[in-house]
Amino acid sequence: MSIYIREAHPKDGFSFGSNNGPGGKYNIVDPTTLKDRIDICRQWMADLECLTHTKKTTMHLVDGIGDDASIAFGAWPERLYVIEDGMVSYRGGEGPFGYKIDELAGFLESKLGA
């Protein structure tokens, strides 16, 4: 599952300009409504599916405009979690420097016996 939270680099905030995706595609204004946030997430999902040539296998949720999920999980700007039976069993460090995919992969391999 993935949760789309507040834009980390909106063009009306701390933006990387044309470096926000191919041709600056994601150089967008920080959404002010839930509908805007959902629309941006849907576009990102469509682009991701096109780039990876895979079927949608991950559930994508959108944090409300009040950022409740982001605040509850301390997710900004990015963070990895594993939740088992409603409990957090893995909590990665704060991104970008604490965002360690290899660490998460090792955790999952140890849990799954892979």
PDB file of N, CA and C in Angstrom:
ATOM      1  N   MET A   1       0.850  -1.164   0.000  1.00  0.00           N
ATOM      2  CA  MET A   1       0.000   0.000   0.000  1.00  0.00           C
ATOM      3  C   MET A   1       0.897   1.229   0.000  1.00  0.00           C
ATOM      4  N   SER A   2       0.466   2.251  -0.670  1.00  0.00           N
ATOM      5  CA  SER A   2       1.169   3.524  -0.732  1.00  0.00           C
ATOM      6  C   SER A   2       0.185   4.616  -0.346  1.00  0.00           C
ATOM      7  N   ILE A   3       0.657   5.595   0.412  1.00  0.00           N
ATOM      8  CA  ILE A   3      -0.206   6.724   0.777  1.00  0.00           C
ATOM      9  C   ILE A   3       0.400   7.995   0.212  1.00  0.00           C
ATOM     10  N   TYR A   4      -0.344   8.630  -0.677  1.00  0.00           N
ATOM     11  CA  TYR A   4       0.106   9.901  -1.250  1.00  0.00           C
ATOM     12  C   TYR A   4      -0.146  10.986  -0.203  1.00  0.00           C
ATOM     13  N   ILE A   5       0.940  11.669   0.192  1.00  0.00           N
ATOM     14  CA  ILE A   5       0.837  12.724   1.202  1.00  0.00           C
ATOM     15  C   ILE A   5       1.136  14.070   0.555  1.00  0.00           C
ATOM     16  N   ARG A   6       1.233  15.094   1.356  1.00  0.00           N
ATOM     17  CA  ARG A   6       1.511  16.454   0.879  1.00  0.00           C
ATOM     18  C   ARG A   6       2.705  16.469  -0.073  1.00  0.00           C
ATOM     19  N   GLU A   7       2.612  17.287  -1.108  1.00  0.00           N
ATOM     20  CA  GLU A   7       3.699  17.436  -2.059  1.00  0.00           C
ATOM     21  C   GLU A   7       4.971  17.901  -1.352  1.00  0.00           C
ATOM     22  N   ALA A   8       6.071  17.208  -1.576  1.00  0.00           N
ATOM     23  CA  ALA A   8       7.338  17.587  -0.948  1.00  0.00           C
ATOM     24  C   ALA A   8       7.956  18.809  -1.624  1.00  0.00           C
ATOM     25  N   HIS A   9       7.762  18.953  -2.934  1.00  0.00           N
ATOM     26  CA  HIS A   9       8.420  20.029  -3.678  1.00  0.00           C
ATOM     27  C   HIS A   9       7.456  20.719  -4.648  1.00  0.00           C
ATOM     28  N   PRO A  10       6.375  21.318  -4.128  1.00  0.00           N
ATOM     29  CA  PRO A  10       5.440  22.005  -5.033  1.00  0.00           C
ATOM     30  C   PRO A  10       6.073  23.281  -5.588  1.00  0.00           C
ATOM     31  N   LYS A  11       5.606  23.703  -6.758  1.00  0.00           N
ATOM     32  CA  LYS A  11       6.205  24.895  -7.358  1.00  0.00           C
ATOM     33  C   LYS A  11       5.904  26.157  -6.573  1.00  0.00           C
ATOM     34  N   ASP A  12       4.909  26.108  -5.677  1.00  0.00           N
ATOM     35  CA  ASP A  12       4.645  27.271  -4.834  1.00  0.00           C
ATOM     36  C   ASP A  12       5.292  27.089  -3.454  1.00  0.00           C
ATOM     37  N   GLY A  13       6.287  26.219  -3.400  1.00  0.00           N
ATOM     38  CA  GLY A  13       7.023  25.953  -2.160  1.00  0.00           C
ATOM     39  C   GLY A  13       8.482  25.708  -2.481  1.00  0.00           C
ATOM     40  N   PHE A  14       9.070  24.695  -1.864  1.00  0.00           N
ATOM     41  CA  PHE A  14      10.468  24.339  -2.092  1.00  0.00           C
ATOM     42  C   PHE A  14      10.546  23.455  -3.332  1.00  0.00           C
ATOM     43  N   SER A  15      10.669  24.070  -4.499  1.00  0.00           N
ATOM     44  CA  SER A  15      10.579  23.374  -5.767  1.00  0.00           C
ATOM     45  C   SER A  15      11.933  23.168  -6.416  1.00  0.00           C
ATOM     46  N   PHE A  16      12.038  22.067  -7.171  1.00  0.00           N
ATOM     47  CA  PHE A  16      13.214  21.827  -8.001  1.00  0.00           C
ATOM     48  C   PHE A  16      12.938  22.250  -9.439  1.00  0.00           C
ATOM     49  N   GLY A  17      11.812  22.896  -9.688  1.00  0.00           N
ATOM     50  CA  GLY A  17      11.475  23.385 -11.022  1.00  0.00           C
ATOM     51  C   GLY A  17      11.433  22.289 -12.052  1.00  0.00           C
ATOM     52  N   SER A  18      12.199  22.467 -13.127  1.00  0.00           N
ATOM     53  CA  SER A  18      12.153  21.512 -14.234  1.00  0.00           C
ATOM     54  C   SER A  18      12.700  20.143 -13.847  1.00  0.00           C
ATOM     55  N   ASN A  19      13.318  20.014 -12.692  1.00  0.00           N
ATOM     56  CA  ASN A  19      13.812  18.711 -12.252  1.00  0.00           C
ATOM     57  C   ASN A  19      12.730  17.882 -11.567  1.00  0.00           C
ATOM     58  N   ASN A  20      11.515  18.406 -11.447  1.00  0.00           N
ATOM     59  CA  ASN A  20      10.411  17.658 -10.838  1.00  0.00           C
ATOM     60  C   ASN A  20       9.757  16.768 -11.886  1.00  0.00           C
ATOM     61  N   GLY A  21      10.437  15.683 -12.222  1.00  0.00           N
ATOM     62  CA  GLY A  21       9.910  14.741 -13.196  1.00  0.00           C
ATOM     63  C   GLY A  21      10.316  15.110 -14.603  1.00  0.00           C
ATOM     64  N   PRO A  22      10.064  14.220 -15.557  1.00  0.00           N
ATOM     65  CA  PRO A  22      10.431  14.468 -16.947  1.00  0.00           C
ATOM     66  C   PRO A  22       9.811  15.760 -17.461  1.00  0.00           C
ATOM     67  N   GLY A  23      10.654  16.669 -17.907  1.00  0.00           N
ATOM     68  CA  GLY A  23      10.167  17.942 -18.437  1.00  0.00           C
ATOM     69  C   GLY A  23       9.461  18.791 -17.404  1.00  0.00           C
ATOM     70  N   GLY A  24       9.738  18.538 -16.125  1.00  0.00           N
ATOM     71  CA  GLY A  24       9.088  19.310 -15.065  1.00  0.00           C
ATOM     72  C   GLY A  24       7.627  18.955 -14.895  1.00  0.00           C
ATOM     73  N   LYS A  25       7.237  17.757 -15.364  1.00  0.00           N
ATOM     74  CA  LYS A  25       5.835  17.338 -15.354  1.00  0.00           C
ATOM     75  C   LYS A  25       5.190  17.453 -13.981  1.00  0.00           C
ATOM     76  N   TYR A  26       5.977  17.193 -12.946  1.00  0.00           N
ATOM     77  CA  TYR A  26       5.407  17.214 -11.599  1.00  0.00           C
ATOM     78  C   TYR A  26       5.743  18.500 -10.859  1.00  0.00           C
ATOM     79  N   ASN A  27       6.049  19.552 -11.592  1.00  0.00           N
ATOM     80  CA  ASN A  27       6.249  20.866 -10.989  1.00  0.00           C
ATOM     81  C   ASN A  27       4.860  21.486 -10.847  1.00  0.00           C
ATOM     82  N   ILE A  28       4.173  21.063  -9.792  1.00  0.00           N
ATOM     83  CA  ILE A  28       2.763  21.387  -9.616  1.00  0.00           C
ATOM     84  C   ILE A  28       2.553  22.218  -8.353  1.00  0.00           C
ATOM     85  N   VAL A  29       1.449  22.914  -8.324  1.00  0.00           N
ATOM     86  CA  VAL A  29       1.066  23.693  -7.145  1.00  0.00           C
ATOM     87  C   VAL A  29       0.602  22.712  -6.064  1.00  0.00           C
ATOM     88  N   ASP A  30       0.956  22.998  -4.815  1.00  0.00           N
ATOM     89  CA  ASP A  30       0.529  22.157  -3.699  1.00  0.00           C
ATOM     90  C   ASP A  30      -0.992  22.129  -3.669  1.00  0.00           C
ATOM     91  N   PRO A  31      -1.594  20.938  -3.736  1.00  0.00           N
ATOM     92  CA  PRO A  31      -3.052  20.842  -3.753  1.00  0.00           C
ATOM     93  C   PRO A  31      -3.686  21.464  -2.507  1.00  0.00           C
ATOM     94  N   THR A  32      -4.807  22.127  -2.711  1.00  0.00           N
ATOM     95  CA  THR A  32      -5.521  22.740  -1.582  1.00  0.00           C
ATOM     96  C   THR A  32      -6.853  22.048  -1.309  1.00  0.00           C
ATOM     97  N   THR A  33      -7.225  21.100  -2.178  1.00  0.00           N
ATOM     98  CA  THR A  33      -8.450  20.342  -1.961  1.00  0.00           C
ATOM     99  C   THR A  33      -8.138  18.848  -2.079  1.00  0.00           C
ATOM    100  N   LEU A  34      -8.967  18.039  -1.471  1.00  0.00           N
ATOM    101  CA  LEU A  34      -8.797  16.594  -1.565  1.00  0.00           C
ATOM    102  C   LEU A  34      -8.927  16.141  -3.018  1.00  0.00           C
ATOM    103  N   LYS A  35      -9.842  16.731  -3.761  1.00  0.00           N
ATOM    104  CA  LYS A  35     -10.008  16.370  -5.171  1.00  0.00           C
ATOM    105  C   LYS A  35      -8.712  16.600  -5.938  1.00  0.00           C
ATOM    106  N   ASP A  36      -8.057  17.741  -5.719  1.00  0.00           N
ATOM    107  CA  ASP A  36      -6.788  18.026  -6.398  1.00  0.00           C
ATOM    108  C   ASP A  36      -5.738  16.970  -6.041  1.00  0.00           C
ATOM    109  N   ARG A  37      -5.667  16.614  -4.775  1.00  0.00           N
ATOM    110  CA  ARG A  37      -4.690  15.620  -4.326  1.00  0.00           C
ATOM    111  C   ARG A  37      -4.967  14.264  -4.977  1.00  0.00           C
ATOM    112  N   ILE A  38      -6.227  13.889  -5.053  1.00  0.00           N
ATOM    113  CA  ILE A  38      -6.610  12.621  -5.682  1.00  0.00           C
ATOM    114  C   ILE A  38      -6.255  12.637  -7.164  1.00  0.00           C
ATOM    115  N   ASP A  39      -6.526  13.747  -7.841  1.00  0.00           N
ATOM    116  CA  ASP A  39      -6.222  13.855  -9.273  1.00  0.00           C
ATOM    117  C   ASP A  39      -4.716  13.702  -9.535  1.00  0.00           C
ATOM    118  N   ILE A  40      -3.890  14.335  -8.710  1.00  0.00           N
ATOM    119  CA  ILE A  40      -2.442  14.230  -8.876  1.00  0.00           C
ATOM    120  C   ILE A  40      -1.989  12.795  -8.637  1.00  0.00           C
ATOM    121  N   CYS A  41      -2.524  12.159  -7.619  1.00  0.00           N
ATOM    122  CA  CYS A  41      -2.177  10.767  -7.323  1.00  0.00           C
ATOM    123  C   CYS A  41      -2.577   9.856  -8.484  1.00  0.00           C
ATOM    124  N   ARG A  42      -3.744  10.064  -9.031  1.00  0.00           N
ATOM    125  CA  ARG A  42      -4.196   9.244 -10.165  1.00  0.00           C
ATOM    126  C   ARG A  42      -3.271   9.404 -11.367  1.00  0.00           C
ATOM    127  N   GLN A  43      -2.838  10.634 -11.633  1.00  0.00           N
ATOM    128  CA  GLN A  43      -1.924  10.868 -12.754  1.00  0.00           C
ATOM    129  C   GLN A  43      -0.590  10.159 -12.512  1.00  0.00           C
ATOM    130  N   TRP A  44      -0.080  10.258 -11.284  1.00  0.00           N
ATOM    131  CA  TRP A  44       1.173   9.598 -10.933  1.00  0.00           C
ATOM    132  C   TRP A  44       1.037   8.078 -11.085  1.00  0.00           C
ATOM    133  N   MET A  45      -0.096   7.523 -10.638  1.00  0.00           N
ATOM    134  CA  MET A  45      -0.321   6.079 -10.763  1.00  0.00           C
ATOM    135  C   MET A  45      -0.355   5.662 -12.231  1.00  0.00           C
ATOM    136  N   ALA A  46      -1.029   6.437 -13.063  1.00  0.00           N
ATOM    137  CA  ALA A  46      -1.109   6.122 -14.488  1.00  0.00           C
ATOM    138  C   ALA A  46       0.278   6.186 -15.124  1.00  0.00           C
ATOM    139  N   ASP A  47       1.060   7.192 -14.774  1.00  0.00           N
ATOM    140  CA  ASP A  47       2.418   7.312 -15.312  1.00  0.00           C
ATOM    141  C   ASP A  47       3.294   6.159 -14.849  1.00  0.00           C
ATOM    142  N   LEU A  48       3.178   5.778 -13.592  1.00  0.00           N
ATOM    143  CA  LEU A  48       3.987   4.697 -13.047  1.00  0.00           C
ATOM    144  C   LEU A  48       3.663   3.379 -13.744  1.00  0.00           C
ATOM    145  N   GLU A  49       2.396   3.118 -13.953  1.00  0.00           N
ATOM    146  CA  GLU A  49       2.005   1.884 -14.630  1.00  0.00           C
ATOM    147  C   GLU A  49       2.554   1.867 -16.051  1.00  0.00           C
ATOM    148  N   CYS A  50       2.500   2.991 -16.727  1.00  0.00           N
ATOM    149  CA  CYS A  50       3.004   3.093 -18.091  1.00  0.00           C
ATOM    150  C   CYS A  50       4.515   2.858 -18.120  1.00  0.00           C
ATOM    151  N   LEU A  51       5.232   3.423 -17.151  1.00  0.00           N
ATOM    152  CA  LEU A  51       6.687   3.286 -17.111  1.00  0.00           C
ATOM    153  C   LEU A  51       7.138   1.876 -16.756  1.00  0.00           C
ATOM    154  N   THR A  52       6.400   1.206 -15.887  1.00  0.00           N
ATOM    155  CA  THR A  52       6.830  -0.112 -15.425  1.00  0.00           C
ATOM    156  C   THR A  52       6.207  -1.255 -16.225  1.00  0.00           C
ATOM    157  N   HIS A  53       5.212  -0.965 -17.023  1.00  0.00           N
ATOM    158  CA  HIS A  53       4.528  -1.983 -17.826  1.00  0.00           C
ATOM    159  C   HIS A  53       3.995  -3.116 -16.949  1.00  0.00           C
ATOM    160  N   THR A  54       3.521  -2.769 -15.785  1.00  0.00           N
ATOM    161  CA  THR A  54       2.970  -3.781 -14.880  1.00  0.00           C
ATOM    162  C   THR A  54       1.525  -3.444 -14.578  1.00  0.00           C
ATOM    163  N   LYS A  55       0.814  -4.462 -14.144  1.00  0.00           N
ATOM    164  CA  LYS A  55      -0.554  -4.241 -13.700  1.00  0.00           C
ATOM    165  C   LYS A  55      -0.520  -3.598 -12.322  1.00  0.00           C
ATOM    166  N   LYS A  56      -1.569  -2.900 -11.994  1.00  0.00           N
ATOM    167  CA  LYS A  56      -1.668  -2.290 -10.670  1.00  0.00           C
ATOM    168  C   LYS A  56      -1.773  -3.391  -9.626  1.00  0.00           C
ATOM    169  N   THR A  57      -0.792  -3.457  -8.746  1.00  0.00           N
ATOM    170  CA  THR A  57      -0.816  -4.454  -7.688  1.00  0.00           C
ATOM    171  C   THR A  57      -0.724  -3.807  -6.314  1.00  0.00           C
ATOM    172  N   THR A  58      -0.492  -2.521  -6.283  1.00  0.00           N
ATOM    173  CA  THR A  58      -0.356  -1.803  -5.029  1.00  0.00           C
ATOM    174  C   THR A  58      -1.556  -0.899  -4.822  1.00  0.00           C
ATOM    175  N   MET A  59      -2.132  -0.961  -3.635  1.00  0.00           N
ATOM    176  CA  MET A  59      -3.227  -0.067  -3.298  1.00  0.00           C
ATOM    177  C   MET A  59      -2.634   1.316  -2.992  1.00  0.00           C
ATOM    178  N   HIS A  60      -3.212   2.346  -3.569  1.00  0.00           N
ATOM    179  CA  HIS A  60      -2.764   3.712  -3.334  1.00  0.00           C
ATOM    180  C   HIS A  60      -3.878   4.482  -2.629  1.00  0.00           C
ATOM    181  N   LEU A  61      -3.558   5.040  -1.489  1.00  0.00           N
ATOM    182  CA  LEU A  61      -4.490   5.857  -0.732  1.00  0.00           C
ATOM    183  C   LEU A  61      -4.008   7.302  -0.783  1.00  0.00           C
ATOM    184  N   VAL A  62      -4.890   8.226  -0.485  1.00  0.00           N
ATOM    185  CA  VAL A  62      -4.555   9.647  -0.494  1.00  0.00           C
ATOM    186  C   VAL A  62      -4.849  10.226   0.880  1.00  0.00           C
ATOM    187  N   ASP A  63      -3.836  10.836   1.477  1.00  0.00           N
ATOM    188  CA  ASP A  63      -3.997  11.493   2.773  1.00  0.00           C
ATOM    189  C   ASP A  63      -4.939  12.675   2.607  1.00  0.00           C
ATOM    190  N   GLY A  64      -5.768  12.911   3.591  1.00  0.00           N
ATOM    191  CA  GLY A  64      -6.685  14.050   3.551  1.00  0.00           C
ATOM    192  C   GLY A  64      -5.928  15.369   3.556  1.00  0.00           C
ATOM    193  N   ILE A  65      -6.617  16.421   3.220  1.00  0.00           N
ATOM    194  CA  ILE A  65      -5.987  17.732   3.092  1.00  0.00           C
ATOM    195  C   ILE A  65      -5.463  18.243   4.438  1.00  0.00           C
ATOM    196  N   GLY A  66      -5.945  17.663   5.545  1.00  0.00           N
ATOM    197  CA  GLY A  66      -5.427  18.021   6.867  1.00  0.00           C
ATOM    198  C   GLY A  66      -4.164  17.266   7.243  1.00  0.00           C
ATOM    199  N   ASP A  67      -3.696  16.373   6.348  1.00  0.00           N
ATOM    200  CA  ASP A  67      -2.444  15.632   6.521  1.00  0.00           C
ATOM    201  C   ASP A  67      -2.446  14.702   7.736  1.00  0.00           C
ATOM    202  N   ASP A  68      -3.599  14.167   8.104  1.00  0.00           N
ATOM    203  CA  ASP A  68      -3.699  13.333   9.305  1.00  0.00           C
ATOM    204  C   ASP A  68      -2.794  12.105   9.271  1.00  0.00           C
ATOM    205  N   ALA A  69      -2.753  11.387   8.144  1.00  0.00           N
ATOM    206  CA  ALA A  69      -1.909  10.186   8.058  1.00  0.00           C
ATOM    207  C   ALA A  69      -0.436  10.559   8.135  1.00  0.00           C
ATOM    208  N   SER A  70      -0.055  11.598   7.431  1.00  0.00           N
ATOM    209  CA  SER A  70       1.340  12.043   7.446  1.00  0.00           C
ATOM    210  C   SER A  70       1.782  12.436   8.852  1.00  0.00           C
ATOM    211  N   ILE A  71       0.932  13.132   9.551  1.00  0.00           N
ATOM    212  CA  ILE A  71       1.249  13.558  10.925  1.00  0.00           C
ATOM    213  C   ILE A  71       1.318  12.347  11.851  1.00  0.00           C
ATOM    214  N   ALA A  72       0.355  11.450  11.742  1.00  0.00           N
ATOM    215  CA  ALA A  72       0.309  10.279  12.625  1.00  0.00           C
ATOM    216  C   ALA A  72       1.528   9.374  12.450  1.00  0.00           C
ATOM    217  N   PHE A  73       1.995   9.228  11.216  1.00  0.00           N
ATOM    218  CA  PHE A  73       3.116   8.333  10.944  1.00  0.00           C
ATOM    219  C   PHE A  73       4.455   9.067  10.848  1.00  0.00           C
ATOM    220  N   GLY A  74       4.457  10.386  10.962  1.00  0.00           N
ATOM    221  CA  GLY A  74       5.714  11.118  10.812  1.00  0.00           C
ATOM    222  C   GLY A  74       6.321  10.839   9.448  1.00  0.00           C
ATOM    223  N   ALA A  75       5.492  10.863   8.418  1.00  0.00           N
ATOM    224  CA  ALA A  75       5.881  10.387   7.096  1.00  0.00           C
ATOM    225  C   ALA A  75       6.558  11.416   6.206  1.00  0.00           C
ATOM    226  N   TRP A  76       6.508  12.671   6.556  1.00  0.00           N
ATOM    227  CA  TRP A  76       7.040  13.674   5.646  1.00  0.00           C
ATOM    228  C   TRP A  76       8.540  13.767   5.798  1.00  0.00           C
ATOM    229  N   PRO A  77       9.330  13.826   4.765  1.00  0.00           N
ATOM    230  CA  PRO A  77       8.904  13.821   3.371  1.00  0.00           C
ATOM    231  C   PRO A  77       8.648  12.420   2.820  1.00  0.00           C
ATOM    232  N   GLU A  78       9.252  11.414   3.423  1.00  0.00           N
ATOM    233  CA  GLU A  78       8.988  10.044   2.990  1.00  0.00           C
ATOM    234  C   GLU A  78       9.434   9.103   4.097  1.00  0.00           C
ATOM    235  N   ARG A  79       8.771   7.990   4.185  1.00  0.00           N
ATOM    236  CA  ARG A  79       9.133   7.010   5.199  1.00  0.00           C
ATOM    237  C   ARG A  79       8.518   5.674   4.794  1.00  0.00           C
ATOM    238  N   LEU A  80       9.215   4.604   5.113  1.00  0.00           N
ATOM    239  CA  LEU A  80       8.749   3.264   4.793  1.00  0.00           C
ATOM    240  C   LEU A  80       8.266   2.575   6.063  1.00  0.00           C
ATOM    241  N   TYR A  81       7.137   1.913   5.966  1.00  0.00           N
ATOM    242  CA  TYR A  81       6.559   1.163   7.084  1.00  0.00           C
ATOM    243  C   TYR A  81       6.141  -0.216   6.608  1.00  0.00           C
ATOM    244  N   VAL A  82       6.160  -1.176   7.527  1.00  0.00           N
ATOM    245  CA  VAL A  82       5.495  -2.463   7.318  1.00  0.00           C
ATOM    246  C   VAL A  82       4.505  -2.587   8.463  1.00  0.00           C
ATOM    247  N   ILE A  83       3.271  -2.873   8.109  1.00  0.00           N
ATOM    248  CA  ILE A  83       2.220  -3.017   9.113  1.00  0.00           C
ATOM    249  C   ILE A  83       1.683  -4.437   9.021  1.00  0.00           C
ATOM    250  N   GLU A  84       1.733  -5.141  10.144  1.00  0.00           N
ATOM    251  CA  GLU A  84       1.244  -6.515  10.213  1.00  0.00           C
ATOM    252  C   GLU A  84       0.179  -6.603  11.290  1.00  0.00           C
ATOM    253  N   ASP A  85      -0.965  -7.150  10.913  1.00  0.00           N
ATOM    254  CA  ASP A  85      -2.071  -7.319  11.866  1.00  0.00           C
ATOM    255  C   ASP A  85      -2.378  -6.018  12.614  1.00  0.00           C
ATOM    256  N   GLY A  86      -2.337  -4.908  11.889  1.00  0.00           N
ATOM    257  CA  GLY A  86      -2.678  -3.615  12.471  1.00  0.00           C
ATOM    258  C   GLY A  86      -1.593  -2.988  13.332  1.00  0.00           C
ATOM    259  N   MET A  87      -0.419  -3.605  13.386  1.00  0.00           N
ATOM    260  CA  MET A  87       0.686  -3.091  14.207  1.00  0.00           C
ATOM    261  C   MET A  87       1.886  -2.782  13.310  1.00  0.00           C
ATOM    262  N   VAL A  88       2.613  -1.719  13.629  1.00  0.00           N
ATOM    263  CA  VAL A  88       3.820  -1.376  12.890  1.00  0.00           C
ATOM    264  C   VAL A  88       4.934  -2.334  13.301  1.00  0.00           C
ATOM    265  N   SER A  89       5.464  -3.098  12.333  1.00  0.00           N
ATOM    266  CA  SER A  89       6.558  -4.023  12.631  1.00  0.00           C
ATOM    267  C   SER A  89       7.888  -3.521  12.077  1.00  0.00           C
ATOM    268  N   TYR A  90       7.834  -2.564  11.160  1.00  0.00           N
ATOM    269  CA  TYR A  90       9.050  -1.942  10.637  1.00  0.00           C
ATOM    270  C   TYR A  90       8.755  -0.472  10.406  1.00  0.00           C
ATOM    271  N   ARG A  91       9.661   0.374  10.876  1.00  0.00           N
ATOM    272  CA  ARG A  91       9.541   1.813  10.638  1.00  0.00           C
ATOM    273  C   ARG A  91      10.903   2.301  10.192  1.00  0.00           C
ATOM    274  N   GLY A  92      10.995   2.707   8.952  1.00  0.00           N
ATOM    275  CA  GLY A  92      12.252   3.213   8.418  1.00  0.00           C
ATOM    276  C   GLY A  92      12.518   4.622   8.907  1.00  0.00           C
ATOM    277  N   GLY A  93      13.720   5.078   8.640  1.00  0.00           N
ATOM    278  CA  GLY A  93      14.103   6.432   9.021  1.00  0.00           C
ATOM    279  C   GLY A  93      13.465   7.474   8.121  1.00  0.00           C
ATOM    280  N   GLU A  94      13.541   8.726   8.556  1.00  0.00           N
ATOM    281  CA  GLU A  94      12.990   9.823   7.761  1.00  0.00           C
ATOM    282  C   GLU A  94      13.807   9.997   6.495  1.00  0.00           C
ATOM    283  N   GLY A  95      13.099  10.221   5.392  1.00  0.00           N
ATOM    284  CA  GLY A  95      13.771  10.475   4.127  1.00  0.00           C
ATOM    285  C   GLY A  95      14.288  11.889   4.076  1.00  0.00           C
ATOM    286  N   PRO A  96      15.134  12.179   3.171  1.00  0.00           N
ATOM    287  CA  PRO A  96      15.621  11.240   2.164  1.00  0.00           C
ATOM    288  C   PRO A  96      16.789  10.372   2.648  1.00  0.00           C
ATOM    289  N   PHE A  97      17.513  10.785   3.677  1.00  0.00           N
ATOM    290  CA  PHE A  97      18.716  10.049   4.065  1.00  0.00           C
ATOM    291  C   PHE A  97      18.407   8.770   4.826  1.00  0.00           C
ATOM    292  N   GLY A  98      17.279   8.713   5.529  1.00  0.00           N
ATOM    293  CA  GLY A  98      16.900   7.515   6.256  1.00  0.00           C
ATOM    294  C   GLY A  98      16.052   6.562   5.439  1.00  0.00           C
ATOM    295  N   TYR A  99      15.837   6.880   4.176  1.00  0.00           N
ATOM    296  CA  TYR A  99      15.014   6.080   3.263  1.00  0.00           C
ATOM    297  C   TYR A  99      15.900   4.979   2.684  1.00  0.00           C
ATOM    298  N   LYS A 100      15.854   3.791   3.288  1.00  0.00           N
ATOM    299  CA  LYS A 100      16.784   2.723   2.930  1.00  0.00           C
ATOM    300  C   LYS A 100      16.021   1.499   2.425  1.00  0.00           C
ATOM    301  N   ILE A 101      15.867   1.432   1.127  1.00  0.00           N
ATOM    302  CA  ILE A 101      15.148   0.328   0.487  1.00  0.00           C
ATOM    303  C   ILE A 101      15.824  -1.010   0.800  1.00  0.00           C
ATOM    304  N   ASP A 102      17.160  -1.047   0.789  1.00  0.00           N
ATOM    305  CA  ASP A 102      17.867  -2.304   1.061  1.00  0.00           C
ATOM    306  C   ASP A 102      17.566  -2.814   2.467  1.00  0.00           C
ATOM    307  N   GLU A 103      17.482  -1.904   3.417  1.00  0.00           N
ATOM    308  CA  GLU A 103      17.154  -2.293   4.794  1.00  0.00           C
ATOM    309  C   GLU A 103      15.759  -2.899   4.861  1.00  0.00           C
ATOM    310  N   LEU A 104      14.801  -2.249   4.192  1.00  0.00           N
ATOM    311  CA  LEU A 104      13.431  -2.773   4.157  1.00  0.00           C
ATOM    312  C   LEU A 104      13.402  -4.136   3.468  1.00  0.00           C
ATOM    313  N   ALA A 105      14.129  -4.267   2.363  1.00  0.00           N
ATOM    314  CA  ALA A 105      14.162  -5.551   1.645  1.00  0.00           C
ATOM    315  C   ALA A 105      14.699  -6.658   2.557  1.00  0.00           C
ATOM    316  N   GLY A 106      15.749  -6.358   3.308  1.00  0.00           N
ATOM    317  CA  GLY A 106      16.300  -7.341   4.239  1.00  0.00           C
ATOM    318  C   GLY A 106      15.296  -7.734   5.311  1.00  0.00           C
ATOM    319  N   PHE A 107      14.577  -6.739   5.818  1.00  0.00           N
ATOM    320  CA  PHE A 107      13.545  -7.010   6.825  1.00  0.00           C
ATOM    321  C   PHE A 107      12.473  -7.935   6.257  1.00  0.00           C
ATOM    322  N   LEU A 108      12.002  -7.610   5.055  1.00  0.00           N
ATOM    323  CA  LEU A 108      10.959  -8.426   4.428  1.00  0.00           C
ATOM    324  C   LEU A 108      11.449  -9.836   4.125  1.00  0.00           C
ATOM    325  N   GLU A 109      12.688  -9.949   3.650  1.00  0.00           N
ATOM    326  CA  GLU A 109      13.250 -11.275   3.365  1.00  0.00           C
ATOM    327  C   GLU A 109      13.317 -12.109   4.639  1.00  0.00           C
ATOM    328  N   SER A 110      13.720 -11.491   5.743  1.00  0.00           N
ATOM    329  CA  SER A 110      13.801 -12.241   7.006  1.00  0.00           C
ATOM    330  C   SER A 110      12.403 -12.662   7.490  1.00  0.00           C
ATOM    331  N   LYS A 111      11.405 -11.823   7.269  1.00  0.00           N
ATOM    332  CA  LYS A 111      10.033 -12.148   7.667  1.00  0.00           C
ATOM    333  C   LYS A 111       9.428 -13.235   6.789  1.00  0.00           C
ATOM    334  N   LEU A 112       9.756 -13.177   5.499  1.00  0.00           N
ATOM    335  CA  LEU A 112       9.144 -14.095   4.544  1.00  0.00           C
ATOM    336  C   LEU A 112       9.989 -15.337   4.296  1.00  0.00           C
ATOM    337  N   GLY A 113      11.193 -15.355   4.846  1.00  0.00           N
ATOM    338  CA  GLY A 113      12.067 -16.511   4.664  1.00  0.00           C
ATOM    339  C   GLY A 113      12.595 -16.645   3.253  1.00  0.00           C
ATOM    340  N   ALA A 114      12.696 -15.533   2.559  1.00  0.00           N
ATOM    341  CA  ALA A 114      13.166 -15.576   1.150  1.00  0.00           C
ATOM    342  C   ALA A 114      14.670 -15.524   1.057  1.00  0.00           C
TER     343      ALA A 114
END
